[in-house]
Every structure is written in C-alpha cells, then in structure tokens.
C-alpha cells in the first residue's frame, strides 16, 4: 500500500495583507519558529517541534498552519517527512524590512 502525501496550499504573497503577516508573527511561539528558520535554514517538522517539546502537537500544527496561510513559510513533503522553509526572499520583496524588524 502506497501513501500519497497531501500537498498543502501556499498563498501567493501578493494576496497576503500585511495585517495577516503581522498577526502570524504576533504569537511568541510562532515568532520563535520564524527565528529558528531564519538562523537554521529549512527544518523538518520533527526538528521544529523539538525546539519546544512541551507544546501539544495540535497547537504546533495550528502554529504551522497560521504561518503557512500568512505566506511566511512553506510546508512541503520531502520523502516521508515534511520540510518547513522560511519564504525569506518573497517576504522581503512583498514587505521590505518586515523580517529584519521582527527578528532584531
């Protein structure tokens, strides 16, 4: 039996308002995840979750969904895992200086 990993939708950043990005970044746990992705580069979901293992899986999934729907990350299948990537270049083009300001 083969399993097909579901592709998740990722918005075009031109459709994302600044308020959606700011809302996604307003939660300390989500901001910490963005900081990790900015410094470490792409991580698997398991690696991301290891930074704060006390967070319930459902809450962590919600954080990933919120960041993905705000256009800040990509969450894509890589073999049997998922890789989470910061959309740095796209974000910098759409919202110049935003990531630099919140990561400082």
N, C-alpha and C. Protein backbone atom coordinates (compact mmCIF):
# COMPACT_ATOMS: atom_id res chain seq x y z
N UNK A 1 0.84 -1.18 0.00
CA UNK A 1 0.00 0.00 0.00
C UNK A 1 0.89 1.24 0.00
N UNK A 2 0.65 2.14 -0.94
CA UNK A 2 1.43 3.37 -1.01
C UNK A 2 0.62 4.51 -0.41
N UNK A 3 1.33 5.43 0.17
CA UNK A 3 0.71 6.59 0.76
C UNK A 3 1.12 7.82 -0.03
N UNK A 4 0.16 8.64 -0.37
CA UNK A 4 0.44 9.88 -1.07
C UNK A 4 0.34 11.02 -0.07
N UNK A 5 1.41 11.76 0.06
CA UNK A 5 1.43 12.90 0.98
C UNK A 5 0.67 14.05 0.35
N UNK A 6 -0.21 14.62 1.14
CA UNK A 6 -1.05 15.71 0.67
C UNK A 6 -0.23 16.99 0.54
N UNK A 7 -0.39 17.66 -0.59
CA UNK A 7 0.24 18.96 -0.79
C UNK A 7 -0.64 20.02 -0.13
N UNK A 8 -0.02 20.90 0.61
CA UNK A 8 -0.75 21.96 1.29
C UNK A 8 -0.74 23.22 0.43
N UNK A 9 -1.83 23.98 0.46
CA UNK A 9 -1.84 25.22 -0.32
C UNK A 9 -0.96 26.30 0.32
N UNK A 10 -0.25 27.02 -0.52
CA UNK A 10 0.59 28.14 -0.08
C UNK A 10 0.13 29.37 -0.85
N UNK A 11 -0.25 30.42 -0.14
CA UNK A 11 -0.76 31.60 -0.85
C UNK A 11 0.31 32.35 -1.62
N UNK A 12 -0.13 33.01 -2.66
CA UNK A 12 0.75 33.94 -3.36
C UNK A 12 0.88 35.15 -2.44
N UNK A 13 2.09 35.58 -2.16
CA UNK A 13 2.28 36.67 -1.20
C UNK A 13 1.64 37.98 -1.64
N UNK A 14 1.39 38.14 -2.93
CA UNK A 14 0.71 39.36 -3.39
C UNK A 14 -0.72 39.41 -2.88
N UNK A 15 -1.26 38.26 -2.48
CA UNK A 15 -2.63 38.18 -1.95
C UNK A 15 -2.68 38.29 -0.43
N UNK A 16 -1.53 38.34 0.21
CA UNK A 16 -1.47 38.36 1.68
C UNK A 16 -1.36 39.81 2.17
N UNK A 17 -2.32 40.26 2.99
CA UNK A 17 -2.20 41.62 3.54
C UNK A 17 -1.17 41.66 4.67
N UNK A 18 -0.60 42.82 4.89
CA UNK A 18 0.38 43.00 5.95
C UNK A 18 -0.20 42.59 7.30
N UNK A 19 -1.47 42.86 7.54
CA UNK A 19 -2.08 42.52 8.82
C UNK A 19 -2.06 41.01 9.07
N UNK A 20 -2.21 40.20 8.03
CA UNK A 20 -2.16 38.74 8.20
C UNK A 20 -0.76 38.30 8.62
N UNK A 21 0.26 38.88 8.00
CA UNK A 21 1.64 38.54 8.35
C UNK A 21 1.95 38.99 9.79
N UNK A 22 1.51 40.19 10.14
CA UNK A 22 1.76 40.69 11.50
C UNK A 22 1.03 39.86 12.55
N UNK A 23 -0.19 39.44 12.24
CA UNK A 23 -0.93 38.58 13.17
C UNK A 23 -0.18 37.27 13.39
N UNK A 24 0.29 36.66 12.31
CA UNK A 24 1.01 35.39 12.43
C UNK A 24 2.27 35.55 13.26
N UNK A 25 2.93 36.69 13.15
CA UNK A 25 4.16 36.94 13.89
C UNK A 25 3.91 37.43 15.31
N UNK A 26 2.67 37.71 15.67
CA UNK A 26 2.38 38.28 16.99
C UNK A 26 2.44 37.25 18.12
N UNK A 27 2.39 35.98 17.80
CA UNK A 27 2.46 34.94 18.83
C UNK A 27 3.93 34.61 19.11
N UNK A 28 4.35 34.61 20.38
CA UNK A 28 5.76 34.35 20.69
C UNK A 28 6.27 33.00 20.18
N UNK A 29 5.45 31.97 20.23
CA UNK A 29 5.88 30.64 19.77
C UNK A 29 6.10 30.64 18.25
N UNK A 30 5.21 31.31 17.52
CA UNK A 30 5.37 31.38 16.07
C UNK A 30 6.58 32.23 15.71
N UNK A 31 6.78 33.31 16.44
CA UNK A 31 7.95 34.17 16.19
C UNK A 31 9.24 33.40 16.46
N UNK A 32 9.26 32.59 17.51
CA UNK A 32 10.43 31.76 17.80
C UNK A 32 10.71 30.78 16.66
N UNK A 33 9.65 30.22 16.11
CA UNK A 33 9.83 29.29 14.99
C UNK A 33 10.40 30.01 13.77
N UNK A 34 9.91 31.22 13.50
CA UNK A 34 10.45 32.01 12.39
C UNK A 34 11.92 32.33 12.64
N UNK A 35 12.27 32.65 13.88
CA UNK A 35 13.68 32.92 14.21
C UNK A 35 14.55 31.70 13.95
N UNK A 36 14.06 30.53 14.35
CA UNK A 36 14.82 29.29 14.12
C UNK A 36 15.01 29.04 12.63
N UNK A 37 13.96 29.22 11.85
CA UNK A 37 14.07 29.01 10.41
C UNK A 37 15.01 30.03 9.77
N UNK A 38 15.02 31.25 10.29
CA UNK A 38 15.89 32.29 9.74
C UNK A 38 17.36 31.99 10.03
N UNK A 39 17.65 31.40 11.17
CA UNK A 39 19.04 31.12 11.53
C UNK A 39 19.50 29.74 11.11
N UNK A 40 18.62 28.75 11.19
CA UNK A 40 19.00 27.36 10.91
C UNK A 40 18.77 26.94 9.46
N UNK A 41 17.87 27.64 8.78
CA UNK A 41 17.50 27.23 7.43
C UNK A 41 16.35 26.24 7.47
N UNK A 42 16.05 25.58 6.38
CA UNK A 42 14.94 24.63 6.35
C UNK A 42 15.10 23.53 7.41
N UNK A 43 13.98 23.20 8.04
CA UNK A 43 13.96 22.16 9.07
C UNK A 43 12.80 21.22 8.80
N UNK A 44 12.93 19.98 9.25
CA UNK A 44 11.78 19.08 9.17
C UNK A 44 10.81 19.49 10.27
N UNK A 45 9.58 19.05 10.14
CA UNK A 45 8.57 19.35 11.17
C UNK A 45 9.04 18.80 12.51
N UNK A 46 9.61 17.60 12.50
CA UNK A 46 10.09 17.00 13.75
C UNK A 46 11.18 17.85 14.40
N UNK A 47 12.08 18.40 13.59
CA UNK A 47 13.14 19.27 14.13
C UNK A 47 12.54 20.55 14.71
N UNK A 48 11.56 21.10 14.03
CA UNK A 48 10.90 22.32 14.52
C UNK A 48 10.23 22.05 15.86
N UNK A 49 9.55 20.93 15.94
CA UNK A 49 8.82 20.61 17.16
C UNK A 49 9.76 20.31 18.32
N UNK A 50 10.96 19.86 18.03
CA UNK A 50 11.92 19.52 19.08
C UNK A 50 12.39 20.75 19.86
N UNK A 51 12.25 21.96 19.27
CA UNK A 51 12.68 23.17 19.97
C UNK A 51 11.81 23.47 21.18
N UNK A 52 10.56 23.02 21.16
CA UNK A 52 9.68 23.20 22.32
C UNK A 52 8.78 21.98 22.43
N UNK A 53 9.31 20.87 22.97
CA UNK A 53 8.54 19.63 23.01
C UNK A 53 7.33 19.66 23.94
N UNK A 54 7.22 20.69 24.79
CA UNK A 54 6.09 20.79 25.71
C UNK A 54 4.82 21.28 25.02
N UNK A 55 4.95 21.82 23.81
CA UNK A 55 3.78 22.32 23.08
C UNK A 55 3.02 21.12 22.51
N UNK A 56 1.72 21.02 22.77
CA UNK A 56 0.94 19.91 22.21
C UNK A 56 1.01 19.90 20.68
N UNK A 57 0.94 18.71 20.09
CA UNK A 57 1.02 18.58 18.64
C UNK A 57 -0.06 19.40 17.94
N UNK A 58 -1.26 19.43 18.53
CA UNK A 58 -2.35 20.19 17.89
C UNK A 58 -2.04 21.68 17.86
N UNK A 59 -1.46 22.20 18.91
CA UNK A 59 -1.08 23.62 18.96
C UNK A 59 0.04 23.90 17.98
N UNK A 60 1.02 23.01 17.92
CA UNK A 60 2.13 23.18 16.99
C UNK A 60 1.62 23.16 15.54
N UNK A 61 0.71 22.25 15.24
CA UNK A 61 0.12 22.19 13.89
C UNK A 61 -0.62 23.48 13.57
N UNK A 62 -1.32 24.01 14.55
CA UNK A 62 -2.03 25.29 14.35
C UNK A 62 -1.04 26.41 14.05
N UNK A 63 0.08 26.44 14.77
CA UNK A 63 1.09 27.46 14.50
C UNK A 63 1.62 27.35 13.07
N UNK A 64 1.93 26.13 12.64
CA UNK A 64 2.42 25.93 11.27
C UNK A 64 1.38 26.37 10.25
N UNK A 65 0.13 26.05 10.50
CA UNK A 65 -0.95 26.42 9.57
C UNK A 65 -1.08 27.94 9.50
N UNK A 66 -1.04 28.61 10.64
CA UNK A 66 -1.16 30.07 10.67
C UNK A 66 -0.02 30.73 9.90
N UNK A 67 1.20 30.25 10.11
CA UNK A 67 2.36 30.81 9.40
C UNK A 67 2.28 30.52 7.90
N UNK A 68 1.83 29.32 7.55
CA UNK A 68 1.71 28.96 6.13
C UNK A 68 0.64 29.80 5.45
N UNK A 69 -0.50 29.94 6.08
CA UNK A 69 -1.60 30.71 5.49
C UNK A 69 -1.28 32.20 5.39
N UNK A 70 -0.36 32.68 6.23
CA UNK A 70 0.08 34.08 6.16
C UNK A 70 1.20 34.25 5.14
N UNK A 71 1.60 33.15 4.49
CA UNK A 71 2.61 33.22 3.45
C UNK A 71 4.04 33.31 3.96
N UNK A 72 4.25 33.04 5.23
CA UNK A 72 5.58 33.20 5.81
C UNK A 72 6.46 31.96 5.66
N UNK A 73 5.83 30.79 5.58
CA UNK A 73 6.60 29.55 5.45
C UNK A 73 6.03 28.68 4.34
N UNK A 74 6.83 27.74 3.91
CA UNK A 74 6.37 26.65 3.06
C UNK A 74 6.49 25.38 3.89
N UNK A 75 5.51 24.52 3.77
CA UNK A 75 5.49 23.24 4.48
C UNK A 75 5.24 22.19 3.41
N UNK A 76 6.32 21.57 2.95
CA UNK A 76 6.22 20.68 1.79
C UNK A 76 6.75 19.29 2.11
N UNK A 77 6.15 18.28 1.46
CA UNK A 77 6.62 16.91 1.69
C UNK A 77 8.02 16.70 1.12
N UNK A 78 8.83 15.98 1.89
CA UNK A 78 10.16 15.58 1.46
C UNK A 78 10.30 14.11 1.88
N UNK A 79 10.03 13.23 0.95
CA UNK A 79 10.05 11.81 1.30
C UNK A 79 8.95 11.50 2.29
N UNK A 80 9.32 10.93 3.43
CA UNK A 80 8.32 10.57 4.45
C UNK A 80 8.16 11.65 5.51
N UNK A 81 8.81 12.77 5.30
CA UNK A 81 8.74 13.87 6.26
C UNK A 81 8.23 15.12 5.55
N UNK A 82 8.10 16.20 6.31
CA UNK A 82 7.76 17.49 5.75
C UNK A 82 8.87 18.46 6.11
N UNK A 83 9.18 19.32 5.16
CA UNK A 83 10.21 20.33 5.38
C UNK A 83 9.55 21.70 5.47
N UNK A 84 9.94 22.44 6.48
CA UNK A 84 9.42 23.79 6.70
C UNK A 84 10.52 24.77 6.30
N UNK A 85 10.16 25.70 5.43
CA UNK A 85 11.12 26.66 4.90
C UNK A 85 10.56 28.08 5.04
N UNK A 86 11.40 28.99 5.49
CA UNK A 86 11.03 30.41 5.56
C UNK A 86 11.05 30.98 4.14
N UNK A 87 10.02 31.69 3.77
CA UNK A 87 9.94 32.29 2.43
C UNK A 87 10.60 33.67 2.45
N UNK A 88 11.85 33.72 2.87
CA UNK A 88 12.56 34.97 3.14
C UNK A 88 12.58 35.92 1.94
N UNK A 89 13.01 35.44 0.79
CA UNK A 89 13.15 36.32 -0.38
C UNK A 89 11.79 36.89 -0.79
N UNK A 90 10.76 36.05 -0.77
CA UNK A 90 9.44 36.50 -1.16
C UNK A 90 8.88 37.52 -0.16
N UNK A 91 9.11 37.25 1.13
CA UNK A 91 8.62 38.16 2.18
C UNK A 91 9.34 39.50 2.08
N UNK A 92 10.67 39.46 1.87
CA UNK A 92 11.44 40.70 1.76
C UNK A 92 11.00 41.52 0.55
N UNK A 93 10.60 40.85 -0.52
CA UNK A 93 10.13 41.57 -1.70
C UNK A 93 8.75 42.19 -1.45
N UNK A 94 7.87 41.43 -0.80
CA UNK A 94 6.49 41.91 -0.56
C UNK A 94 6.44 42.93 0.57
N UNK A 95 7.15 42.65 1.67
CA UNK A 95 7.14 43.51 2.85
C UNK A 95 8.59 43.86 3.22
N UNK A 96 9.21 44.78 2.49
CA UNK A 96 10.62 45.10 2.74
C UNK A 96 10.86 45.52 4.20
N UNK A 97 11.85 44.88 4.82
CA UNK A 97 12.24 45.23 6.17
C UNK A 97 11.43 44.56 7.28
N UNK A 98 10.35 43.89 6.95
CA UNK A 98 9.49 43.28 7.99
C UNK A 98 10.26 42.25 8.80
N UNK A 99 10.86 41.27 8.14
CA UNK A 99 11.56 40.23 8.88
C UNK A 99 12.76 40.79 9.64
N UNK A 100 13.48 41.70 9.04
CA UNK A 100 14.61 42.31 9.74
C UNK A 100 14.15 42.99 11.01
N UNK A 101 13.01 43.66 10.95
CA UNK A 101 12.48 44.38 12.12
C UNK A 101 12.03 43.42 13.22
N UNK A 102 11.32 42.37 12.87
CA UNK A 102 10.80 41.48 13.92
C UNK A 102 11.86 40.51 14.42
N UNK A 103 12.89 40.25 13.63
CA UNK A 103 13.94 39.34 14.07
C UNK A 103 15.03 40.04 14.86
N UNK A 104 15.06 41.37 14.79
CA UNK A 104 16.10 42.13 15.50
C UNK A 104 15.86 42.12 17.01
